[in-house]
Amino acid sequence: MCLEQLSFGDLHSSHVTTIFPWSFCQYSREILIDQCKSLLEVFESQWINNIGGGITSTSINEGNGDTHNTSLVIPRPENIYVPQLVNLKKLVIKSCNLLKHVFTFSTLGSLKQLEELMIHTCKAMEVIVKKDNEEQRNVVDFPRLKSLELKNLPNLKGFFLGMNDFKWQLLEKVMIDYCPKMMVFTSGQSTALKLNYMHTSLGKHSLECGLNFHVTRNFHEWSFHNLIEVHMEWKSDVKYVIPSNELLHLKKLVWIKLNDCRNLEEVFEVEEAMEEGLGLELLFREEKEEVIAMKGIDSGLVKSQTVVEIPNLTQVELKDLHNLKYIWKSNHHVRRMLEFPNLTTISIVNCGRLEHVFTSSMVGSLQQLQDLHISDCPNMEVIVRLEGEEFEYDVTVKEIECLKSMRLEKLEALEGFCLGEDNFLLPLLETLEIKECPKITIFSKGQVATPTLNVIDTSFGRCYIREDINHFIKTKLDEVT
């Protein structure tokens, strides 16, 4: 019998512990298994090399306290050797909560055509490949495997825990999501020359050593050190993206994109716990110390300030985050400031609870910011929020030297860019759009210098600017009233 595709779903019966005898499975190109609650193994390995047919009694625990005894009668040839899955290209297994492994080591040699392997939501899964009784040290070759996904496997310890080396010649996508007990991919060496990144629920991670990662605590904590891109969509169980104790580990983070995460409240979590036993290093810049010395500020106050730099972050895109309160919340009890020296682009769309973007202390670090776009945020009151006076020292001019384009649209509560006395210098600003912001009364209470800005795009149309932005806004308000 030759079946090119086998598909099994919702097999709740306690009488199904093995999907099919090898004579059915070995020629299939695709095998899809979903919600087979009693499944103990995918392939009938316990009968390999047995002689003749027979009756096997099996006790099955469904996970709800009920145990069933069943007798399985499956006729088979007198001699069954190690089965071959010579045509299998795709294997998908989902929600099989009694399954502890997928393959035995003996079957791996036949998986020459396998291109895609997905294992999702199998609570008992400990390894993908189980070691055989007799240890074999030969190299395992997966010549065609391109995609591997391991998701929601709370007891997974590794793909394979034997000492064999693995070769993955075409492997280019690996997704590992919520495998909290995973400490190693394979105990031996894994060579995957085409694999540059690993994907998790957070996003994309670098892999300088390929798949040869060894985790001292758990995979989730390890992943922040190699995090390159944060990409989350349609997740409802996340309140913050970056926990406070991981802020110092974001040296490689380049890009953040968040979309429609309905319960998200903070992007960067900032808490006092960050300094409690976590070895937070203080990163004071020399120029700040000079200013502090000149101003004669209390050194005890200054020493409580910690600066955490996210050095390589360039882009932030936030969309449809309806409960987002803070992107980067400052902490006034133990003074903490985040800096983004290479941030170039910020886009914020439809974040209903967000009231501001930056705090005033952050502005000095935005030396590479080029594009700022904020729209459809009904509670946005200011772009730059003032911080408590007790933590501030005077700065004559706040310069955002690379900013070229700023678009502020449909911000019903916006009163101004900044309501403090700071002076702003925006030497390269060429494009400024302020549309449907009915409450704006001023750009900043200080002076605003925009030497290259000639035209402002407003709800009234494109208007030439003859003096500074503050004067332009006041003139338009007078015209309306």
Protein backbone atom coordinates (compact mmCIF):
# COMPACT_ATOMS: atom_id res chain seq x y z
CA MET A 1 0.00 0.00 0.00
CA CYS A 2 1.38 3.44 -0.96
CA LEU A 3 -0.07 6.65 0.52
CA GLU A 4 1.52 9.94 -0.53
CA GLN A 5 -0.17 11.93 2.26
CA LEU A 6 -1.39 10.76 5.66
CA SER A 7 -3.42 13.11 7.84
CA PHE A 8 -4.78 12.41 11.32
CA GLY A 9 -6.72 14.77 13.55
CA ASP A 10 -8.84 14.64 16.70
CA LEU A 11 -8.08 11.02 17.52
CA HIS A 12 -9.31 11.09 21.12
CA SER A 13 -9.90 7.38 21.47
CA SER A 14 -7.74 5.51 23.93
CA HIS A 15 -7.46 2.71 21.37
CA VAL A 16 -5.08 4.71 19.18
CA THR A 17 -1.50 4.67 20.47
CA THR A 18 0.39 4.23 17.20
CA ILE A 19 -0.62 5.94 13.98
CA PHE A 20 0.13 3.27 11.38
CA PRO A 21 2.37 0.26 10.81
CA TRP A 22 5.49 1.01 8.78
CA SER A 23 4.08 -0.71 5.72
CA PHE A 24 1.58 2.18 5.49
CA CYS A 25 3.88 5.07 6.40
CA GLN A 26 7.19 4.44 4.73
CA TYR A 27 6.18 5.67 1.26
CA SER A 28 4.25 8.77 2.36
CA ARG A 29 5.54 12.19 1.36
CA GLU A 30 3.57 14.16 3.93
CA ILE A 31 2.33 13.11 7.38
CA LEU A 32 0.13 15.53 9.36
CA ILE A 33 -0.88 14.62 12.91
CA ASP A 34 -3.05 16.94 15.02
CA GLN A 35 -4.72 16.47 18.46
CA CYS A 36 -4.19 12.73 18.83
CA LYS A 37 -4.49 12.67 22.60
CA SER A 38 -3.65 9.00 23.18
CA LEU A 39 -0.71 8.83 20.80
CA LEU A 40 2.35 7.34 22.47
CA GLU A 41 4.52 7.02 19.37
CA VAL A 42 4.27 8.08 15.76
CA PHE A 43 5.72 4.91 14.29
CA GLU A 44 5.53 1.38 15.72
CA SER A 45 9.11 1.10 16.87
CA GLN A 46 8.30 -1.37 19.63
CA TRP A 47 7.64 -4.06 17.04
CA ILE A 48 10.70 -3.53 14.94
CA ASN A 49 12.54 -6.84 14.45
CA ASN A 50 9.76 -8.77 16.17
CA ILE A 51 8.61 -11.97 14.50
CA GLY A 52 5.01 -12.52 13.54
CA GLY A 53 1.82 -10.78 14.54
CA GLY A 54 0.60 -10.50 18.06
CA ILE A 55 -1.40 -8.82 20.75
CA THR A 56 0.05 -6.00 22.81
CA SER A 57 -1.57 -4.63 25.95
CA THR A 58 -0.99 -0.94 26.65
CA SER A 59 -2.01 1.31 29.54
CA ILE A 60 -2.80 4.86 28.46
CA ASN A 61 -3.16 7.86 30.73
CA GLU A 62 -5.13 10.63 29.03
CA GLY A 63 -3.82 13.30 31.38
CA ASN A 64 -7.15 13.70 33.18
CA GLY A 65 -6.69 10.88 35.69
CA ASP A 66 -8.40 8.18 33.60
CA THR A 67 -6.35 5.15 32.66
CA HIS A 68 -7.51 2.71 29.98
CA ASN A 69 -6.29 -0.77 29.09
CA THR A 70 -6.50 -1.74 25.45
CA SER A 71 -5.38 -4.61 23.25
CA LEU A 72 -4.00 -3.80 19.82
CA VAL A 73 -3.95 -6.47 17.12
CA ILE A 74 -1.91 -5.39 14.09
CA PRO A 75 -0.88 -8.08 11.57
CA ARG A 76 2.64 -7.63 10.18
CA PRO A 77 5.28 -9.54 8.25
CA GLU A 78 7.40 -12.10 10.02
CA ASN A 79 10.54 -10.00 9.68
CA ILE A 80 10.34 -6.22 10.09
CA TYR A 81 13.68 -4.48 9.83
CA VAL A 82 14.44 -0.86 10.66
CA PRO A 83 11.80 1.01 8.63
CA GLN A 84 12.66 3.49 5.89
CA LEU A 85 10.96 6.84 5.36
CA VAL A 86 12.58 7.31 2.00
CA ASN A 87 9.91 9.60 0.49
CA LEU A 88 8.92 11.68 3.51
CA LYS A 89 9.25 15.41 2.78
CA LYS A 90 7.03 16.98 5.43
CA LEU A 91 6.10 15.90 8.95
CA VAL A 92 3.79 18.00 11.16
CA ILE A 93 2.78 16.93 14.68
CA LYS A 94 0.54 19.11 16.88
CA SER A 95 -1.14 18.72 20.28
CA CYS A 96 -0.09 15.15 21.00
CA ASN A 97 0.49 15.48 24.72
CA LEU A 98 1.66 11.95 25.54
CA LEU A 99 4.29 11.82 22.83
CA LYS A 100 7.85 11.88 24.23
CA HIS A 101 9.84 11.61 21.01
CA VAL A 102 9.32 11.50 17.24
CA PHE A 103 12.11 9.39 15.77
CA THR A 104 14.52 6.81 17.06
CA PHE A 105 18.13 7.21 16.02
CA SER A 106 17.92 4.16 13.74
CA THR A 107 15.39 5.82 11.46
CA LEU A 108 17.42 8.96 10.73
CA GLY A 109 19.41 7.45 7.89
CA SER A 110 16.27 7.12 5.78
CA LEU A 111 15.17 10.77 6.08
CA LYS A 112 17.10 11.89 3.00
CA GLN A 113 14.09 13.67 1.45
CA LEU A 114 12.78 15.40 4.57
CA GLU A 115 12.45 19.15 3.93
CA GLU A 116 10.11 20.40 6.66
CA LEU A 117 9.64 19.30 10.28
CA MET A 118 7.13 20.98 12.63
CA ILE A 119 6.44 19.86 16.20
CA HIS A 120 3.94 22.02 18.14
CA THR A 121 2.30 21.84 21.57
CA CYS A 122 3.34 18.39 22.75
CA LYS A 123 3.58 18.65 26.54
CA ALA A 124 5.51 15.41 27.16
CA MET A 125 8.01 15.80 24.31
CA GLU A 126 11.55 15.45 25.72
CA VAL A 127 13.63 14.96 22.58
CA ILE A 128 12.88 14.89 18.88
CA VAL A 129 15.25 11.97 18.28
CA LYS A 130 15.57 9.27 20.91
CA LYS A 131 18.87 7.48 21.42
CA ASP A 132 19.00 3.78 20.60
CA ASN A 133 20.24 1.25 23.11
CA GLU A 134 23.49 0.79 21.22
CA GLU A 135 25.49 3.99 20.91
CA GLN A 136 26.54 4.80 17.35
CA ARG A 137 29.00 7.60 16.65
CA ASN A 138 28.43 8.07 12.93
CA VAL A 139 27.65 11.53 11.53
CA VAL A 140 23.94 12.20 10.84
CA ASP A 141 23.21 13.97 7.57
CA PHE A 142 19.97 15.86 6.85
CA PRO A 143 20.75 16.79 3.22
CA ARG A 144 17.40 18.42 2.30
CA LEU A 145 15.91 19.76 5.54
CA LYS A 146 15.20 23.48 5.09
CA SER A 147 12.75 24.34 7.87
CA LEU A 148 12.52 23.20 11.50
CA GLU A 149 9.90 24.50 13.97
CA LEU A 150 9.72 23.49 17.64
CA LYS A 151 6.94 25.37 19.44
CA ASN A 152 5.37 25.11 22.88
CA LEU A 153 7.29 22.06 24.05
CA PRO A 154 7.62 22.71 27.80
CA ASN A 155 9.67 19.57 28.55
CA LEU A 156 11.94 19.52 25.52
CA LYS A 157 15.59 19.17 26.54
CA GLY A 158 17.11 19.10 23.06
CA PHE A 159 16.73 17.87 19.52
CA PHE A 160 19.09 14.93 20.25
CA LEU A 161 21.10 14.27 23.40
CA GLY A 162 23.53 11.69 22.04
CA MET A 163 27.09 12.58 21.08
CA ASN A 164 26.69 12.24 17.31
CA ASP A 165 27.57 15.10 15.01
CA PHE A 166 24.89 16.47 12.67
CA LYS A 167 25.10 18.07 9.22
CA TRP A 168 22.29 20.32 7.97
CA GLN A 169 23.32 21.25 4.45
CA LEU A 170 20.25 23.27 3.39
CA LEU A 171 18.80 24.31 6.74
CA GLU A 172 17.91 28.02 6.60
CA LYS A 173 15.02 28.48 9.03
CA VAL A 174 14.87 27.36 12.67
CA MET A 175 12.05 28.45 14.98
CA ILE A 176 12.25 27.59 18.70
CA ASP A 177 9.39 29.05 20.70
CA TYR A 178 8.65 28.35 24.36
CA CYS A 179 10.97 25.45 25.04
CA PRO A 180 11.97 26.57 28.56
CA LYS A 181 13.95 23.43 29.49
CA MET A 182 16.03 23.36 26.34
CA MET A 183 19.72 23.61 27.19
CA VAL A 184 21.33 22.32 24.00
CA PHE A 185 20.31 21.62 20.42
CA THR A 186 22.54 18.57 19.96
CA SER A 187 25.22 17.43 22.37
CA GLY A 188 27.61 16.82 19.46
CA GLN A 189 28.55 19.35 16.80
CA SER A 190 25.86 20.68 14.43
CA THR A 191 27.03 22.16 11.14
CA ALA A 192 24.50 24.36 9.30
CA LEU A 193 26.37 26.61 6.88
CA LYS A 194 23.26 28.30 5.45
CA LEU A 195 21.72 29.10 8.82
CA ASN A 196 22.50 32.65 9.92
CA TYR A 197 19.64 33.32 12.33
CA MET A 198 17.33 31.59 14.75
CA HIS A 199 13.72 32.68 15.27
CA THR A 200 11.83 32.69 18.56
CA SER A 201 8.61 34.30 19.81
CA LEU A 202 10.67 37.48 20.36
CA GLY A 203 12.02 37.70 16.84
CA LYS A 204 15.34 36.98 15.12
CA HIS A 205 18.61 36.04 16.83
CA SER A 206 22.18 35.81 15.58
CA LEU A 207 23.99 32.48 15.64
CA GLU A 208 27.74 33.00 15.49
CA CYS A 209 28.28 29.33 16.34
CA GLY A 210 25.50 27.92 14.19
CA LEU A 211 23.39 25.48 16.16
CA ASN A 212 26.14 24.70 18.64
CA PHE A 213 24.57 26.71 21.43
CA HIS A 214 24.85 25.58 25.03
CA VAL A 215 22.67 27.37 27.55
CA THR A 216 23.71 27.61 31.20
CA ARG A 217 20.29 28.67 32.52
CA ASN A 218 17.53 28.39 29.94
CA PHE A 219 16.99 29.08 26.27
CA HIS A 220 14.75 32.12 26.87
CA GLU A 221 17.39 33.99 28.88
CA TRP A 222 20.14 33.04 26.44
CA SER A 223 18.15 34.42 23.54
CA PHE A 224 18.35 38.09 24.64
CA HIS A 225 22.13 38.13 24.24
CA ASN A 226 21.77 37.27 20.54
CA LEU A 227 18.58 39.18 19.83
CA ILE A 228 18.80 41.14 16.56
CA GLU A 229 15.17 41.83 15.67
CA VAL A 230 12.04 41.92 17.81
CA HIS A 231 8.98 41.04 15.76
CA MET A 232 5.70 40.32 17.54
CA GLU A 233 2.23 40.22 16.01
CA TRP A 234 -1.18 39.25 17.39
CA LYS A 235 0.07 38.14 20.79
CA SER A 236 -2.39 38.65 23.63
CA ASP A 237 -0.37 37.24 26.55
CA VAL A 238 2.48 39.78 26.67
CA LYS A 239 2.56 42.84 28.98
CA TYR A 240 6.13 43.90 28.21
CA VAL A 241 8.69 42.89 25.60
CA ILE A 242 12.10 43.45 27.20
CA PRO A 243 12.26 42.63 30.93
CA SER A 244 14.28 45.02 33.07
CA ASN A 245 16.96 42.45 33.94
CA GLU A 246 17.77 41.97 30.23
CA LEU A 247 18.33 45.62 29.29
CA LEU A 248 22.11 45.29 29.47
CA HIS A 249 22.07 42.28 27.15
CA LEU A 250 20.69 44.07 24.09
CA LYS A 251 24.01 44.90 22.44
CA LYS A 252 22.96 43.38 19.10
CA LEU A 253 19.36 44.57 18.92
CA VAL A 254 18.76 46.47 15.66
CA TRP A 255 15.04 46.53 14.99
CA ILE A 256 11.73 46.43 16.90
CA LYS A 257 8.40 45.82 15.18
CA LEU A 258 5.23 45.25 17.23
CA ASN A 259 1.74 44.91 15.81
CA ASP A 260 -1.64 44.22 17.43
CA CYS A 261 -0.47 42.88 20.80
CA ARG A 262 -3.61 43.75 22.70
CA ASN A 263 -2.36 43.54 26.31
CA LEU A 264 1.10 45.04 25.80
CA GLU A 265 1.74 47.91 28.25
CA GLU A 266 5.50 48.53 27.99
CA VAL A 267 8.15 47.84 25.37
CA PHE A 268 11.12 48.26 27.72
CA GLU A 269 10.32 47.37 31.31
CA VAL A 270 12.19 49.56 33.80
CA GLU A 271 11.97 48.63 37.49
CA GLU A 272 13.92 49.11 40.70
CA ALA A 273 14.55 45.37 40.71
CA MET A 274 16.97 45.98 37.89
CA GLU A 275 19.60 47.03 40.43
CA GLU A 276 18.86 44.44 43.08
CA GLY A 277 21.48 41.72 42.78
CA LEU A 278 21.72 41.99 38.98
CA GLY A 279 25.08 43.72 38.73
CA LEU A 280 23.89 46.71 36.73
CA GLU A 281 26.91 48.68 35.55
CA LEU A 282 26.80 52.46 35.64
CA LEU A 283 27.59 54.01 32.30
CA PHE A 284 28.28 57.70 32.94
CA ARG A 285 29.53 59.74 30.04
CA GLU A 286 32.38 62.19 30.64
CA GLU A 287 30.53 65.19 29.31
CA LYS A 288 27.70 64.66 31.80
CA GLU A 289 30.16 64.51 34.65
CA GLU A 290 31.66 67.81 33.49
CA VAL A 291 28.24 69.45 33.40
CA ILE A 292 27.47 68.08 36.84
CA ALA A 293 30.74 69.46 38.21
CA MET A 294 30.08 72.89 36.65
CA LYS A 295 26.55 73.07 37.98
CA GLY A 296 27.55 71.91 41.46
CA ILE A 297 24.83 69.30 41.63
CA ASP A 298 24.69 67.03 44.66
CA SER A 299 26.91 64.03 43.85
CA GLY A 300 24.72 61.74 45.95
CA LEU A 301 21.81 62.46 43.64
CA VAL A 302 23.88 61.97 40.51
CA LYS A 303 25.26 58.62 41.59
CA SER A 304 21.75 57.23 41.70
CA GLN A 305 21.46 57.85 37.95
CA THR A 306 22.22 54.91 35.68
CA VAL A 307 22.44 55.15 31.93
CA VAL A 308 21.59 52.05 29.93
CA GLU A 309 22.60 52.25 26.30
CA ILE A 310 20.91 50.22 23.55
CA PRO A 311 23.78 50.83 21.13
CA ASN A 312 22.64 49.35 17.81
CA LEU A 313 18.88 49.87 17.77
CA THR A 314 17.99 51.72 14.55
CA GLN A 315 14.24 51.24 13.93
CA VAL A 316 11.12 51.11 16.09
CA GLU A 317 7.71 50.39 14.53
CA LEU A 318 4.64 50.21 16.79
CA LYS A 319 1.15 49.70 15.42
CA ASP A 320 -2.28 48.88 16.89
CA LEU A 321 -1.05 48.53 20.48
CA HIS A 322 -4.21 49.70 22.19
CA ASN A 323 -3.00 49.27 25.80
CA LEU A 324 0.54 50.55 25.37
CA LYS A 325 1.34 53.04 28.16
CA TYR A 326 5.11 53.41 27.82
CA ILE A 327 7.74 52.70 25.24
CA TRP A 328 10.56 53.34 27.68
CA LYS A 329 9.43 54.35 31.16
CA SER A 330 11.87 56.23 33.36
CA ASN A 331 12.08 55.41 37.06
CA HIS A 332 12.14 58.35 39.49
CA HIS A 333 12.97 56.40 42.65
CA VAL A 334 16.21 54.93 41.36
CA ARG A 335 17.00 57.27 38.49
CA ARG A 336 17.46 55.37 35.23
CA MET A 337 17.82 56.58 31.68
CA LEU A 338 17.81 54.70 28.38
CA GLU A 339 19.87 55.94 25.47
CA PHE A 340 19.56 55.11 21.78
CA PRO A 341 22.60 56.59 20.01
CA ASN A 342 21.89 54.95 16.62
CA LEU A 343 18.10 55.14 16.47
CA THR A 344 17.14 56.50 13.02
CA THR A 345 13.41 55.77 12.55
CA ILE A 346 10.37 55.78 14.83
CA SER A 347 6.86 55.02 13.58
CA ILE A 348 3.93 54.89 16.04
CA VAL A 349 0.41 54.28 14.71
CA ASN A 350 -2.86 53.72 16.58
CA CYS A 351 -1.57 53.36 20.13
CA GLY A 352 -4.58 54.70 22.04
CA ARG A 353 -3.20 54.98 25.60
CA LEU A 354 0.25 56.32 24.81
CA GLU A 355 0.71 59.86 26.20
CA HIS A 356 4.31 60.63 25.20
CA VAL A 357 7.24 59.18 23.25
CA PHE A 358 10.44 60.45 24.89
CA THR A 359 11.42 61.87 28.24
CA SER A 360 13.48 65.06 28.20
CA SER A 361 16.64 63.26 29.37
CA MET A 362 16.56 60.96 26.33
CA VAL A 363 16.65 63.70 23.72
CA GLY A 364 20.39 64.20 23.96
CA SER A 365 21.03 60.62 22.85
CA LEU A 366 18.92 60.87 19.66
CA GLN A 367 21.81 62.04 17.54
CA GLN A 368 21.00 59.76 14.59
CA LEU A 369 17.20 60.13 14.56
CA GLN A 370 16.08 61.00 11.02
CA ASP A 371 12.37 60.15 10.72
CA LEU A 372 9.63 60.52 13.34
CA HIS A 373 6.05 59.54 12.46
CA ILE A 374 3.22 59.50 15.02
CA SER A 375 -0.45 59.17 14.07
CA ASP A 376 -3.82 58.04 15.42
CA CYS A 377 -2.84 58.25 19.08
CA PRO A 378 -5.81 60.04 20.74
CA ASN A 379 -4.17 60.42 24.19
CA MET A 380 -0.77 61.67 23.01
CA GLU A 381 -0.27 64.98 24.88
CA VAL A 382 3.38 65.73 24.10
CA ILE A 383 6.18 64.09 22.14
CA VAL A 384 8.83 64.93 24.76
CA ARG A 385 7.64 64.76 28.36
CA LEU A 386 9.27 66.76 31.14
CA GLU A 387 10.73 64.86 34.07
CA GLY A 388 10.82 65.80 37.74
CA GLU A 389 12.80 68.98 38.37
CA GLU A 390 14.77 67.37 41.17
CA PHE A 391 16.54 65.14 38.67
CA GLU A 392 17.28 67.72 35.99
CA TYR A 393 20.05 70.13 35.30
CA ASP A 394 19.72 72.97 32.84
CA VAL A 395 20.59 72.35 29.23
CA THR A 396 20.69 75.46 27.06
CA VAL A 397 19.95 73.74 23.72
CA LYS A 398 18.67 70.29 22.90
CA GLU A 399 19.82 69.39 19.43
CA ILE A 400 18.48 66.56 17.29
CA GLU A 401 21.03 67.05 14.60
CA CYS A 402 19.97 64.46 11.98
CA LEU A 403 16.16 64.79 12.12
CA LYS A 404 14.89 65.37 8.56
CA SER A 405 11.21 64.43 8.67
CA MET A 406 8.53 64.74 11.36
CA ARG A 407 4.87 63.79 10.83
CA LEU A 408 2.27 64.34 13.56
CA GLU A 409 -1.22 63.30 12.45
CA LYS A 410 -4.58 62.72 14.13
CA LEU A 411 -3.35 63.42 17.66
CA GLU A 412 -6.48 64.87 19.27
CA ALA A 413 -4.86 65.58 22.66
CA LEU A 414 -1.49 66.89 21.46
CA GLU A 415 -0.63 70.24 23.08
CA GLY A 416 2.91 70.58 21.78
CA PHE A 417 6.17 68.85 20.92
CA CYS A 418 7.52 69.74 24.36
CA LEU A 419 5.97 72.01 26.99
CA GLY A 420 9.19 72.81 28.82
CA GLU A 421 11.51 75.81 28.54
CA ASP A 422 14.10 73.88 26.54
CA ASN A 423 15.46 75.36 23.34
CA PHE A 424 15.49 73.02 20.35
CA LEU A 425 17.84 73.01 17.38
CA LEU A 426 16.73 70.91 14.40
CA PRO A 427 19.31 71.86 11.76
CA LEU A 428 18.33 69.35 9.05
CA LEU A 429 14.54 69.31 9.43
CA GLU A 430 13.09 69.60 5.92
CA THR A 431 9.64 68.00 6.22
CA LEU A 432 7.15 68.85 8.97
CA GLU A 433 3.53 67.72 8.90
CA ILE A 434 1.06 68.70 11.63
CA LYS A 435 -2.43 67.52 10.70
CA GLU A 436 -5.60 67.07 12.74
CA CYS A 437 -3.99 68.10 16.02
CA PRO A 438 -6.70 70.52 17.23
CA LYS A 439 -5.27 71.20 20.72
CA ILE A 440 -1.73 72.12 19.76
CA THR A 441 -0.91 75.63 20.98
CA ILE A 442 2.88 75.71 20.79
CA PHE A 443 5.80 73.60 19.58
CA SER A 444 7.97 74.34 22.61
CA LYS A 445 7.99 77.12 25.24
CA GLY A 446 11.64 77.67 24.42
CA GLN A 447 13.07 78.79 21.12
CA VAL A 448 12.99 76.45 18.11
CA ALA A 449 15.58 76.77 15.34
CA THR A 450 14.86 75.02 12.01
CA PRO A 451 17.18 76.71 9.49
CA THR A 452 16.37 74.38 6.54
CA LEU A 453 12.57 74.23 7.02
CA ASN A 454 10.61 76.33 4.54
CA VAL A 455 7.16 74.70 4.35
CA ILE A 456 4.84 73.09 6.91
CA ASP A 457 2.15 70.68 5.73
CA THR A 458 -0.97 71.26 7.81
CA SER A 459 -4.71 70.51 7.78
CA PHE A 460 -5.07 73.88 6.03
CA GLY A 461 -2.65 72.89 3.27
CA ARG A 462 1.05 73.52 2.68
CA CYS A 463 2.14 76.80 4.24
CA TYR A 464 5.39 78.75 4.01
CA ILE A 465 7.03 79.43 7.33
CA ARG A 466 8.37 82.98 7.60
CA GLU A 467 9.53 82.93 11.21
CA ASP A 468 9.88 80.08 13.70
CA ILE A 469 7.44 77.20 14.28
CA ASN A 470 6.02 78.68 17.49
CA HIS A 471 5.10 81.91 15.69
CA PHE A 472 3.55 79.94 12.82
CA ILE A 473 1.34 77.90 15.17
CA LYS A 474 0.22 81.02 17.04
CA THR A 475 -0.61 82.79 13.77
CA LYS A 476 -2.74 79.88 12.57
CA LEU A 477 -4.58 79.73 15.88
CA ASP A 478 -5.37 83.45 15.62
CA GLU A 479 -6.67 82.94 12.09
CA VAL A 480 -8.99 80.14 13.21
CA THR A 481 -10.37 82.09 16.17
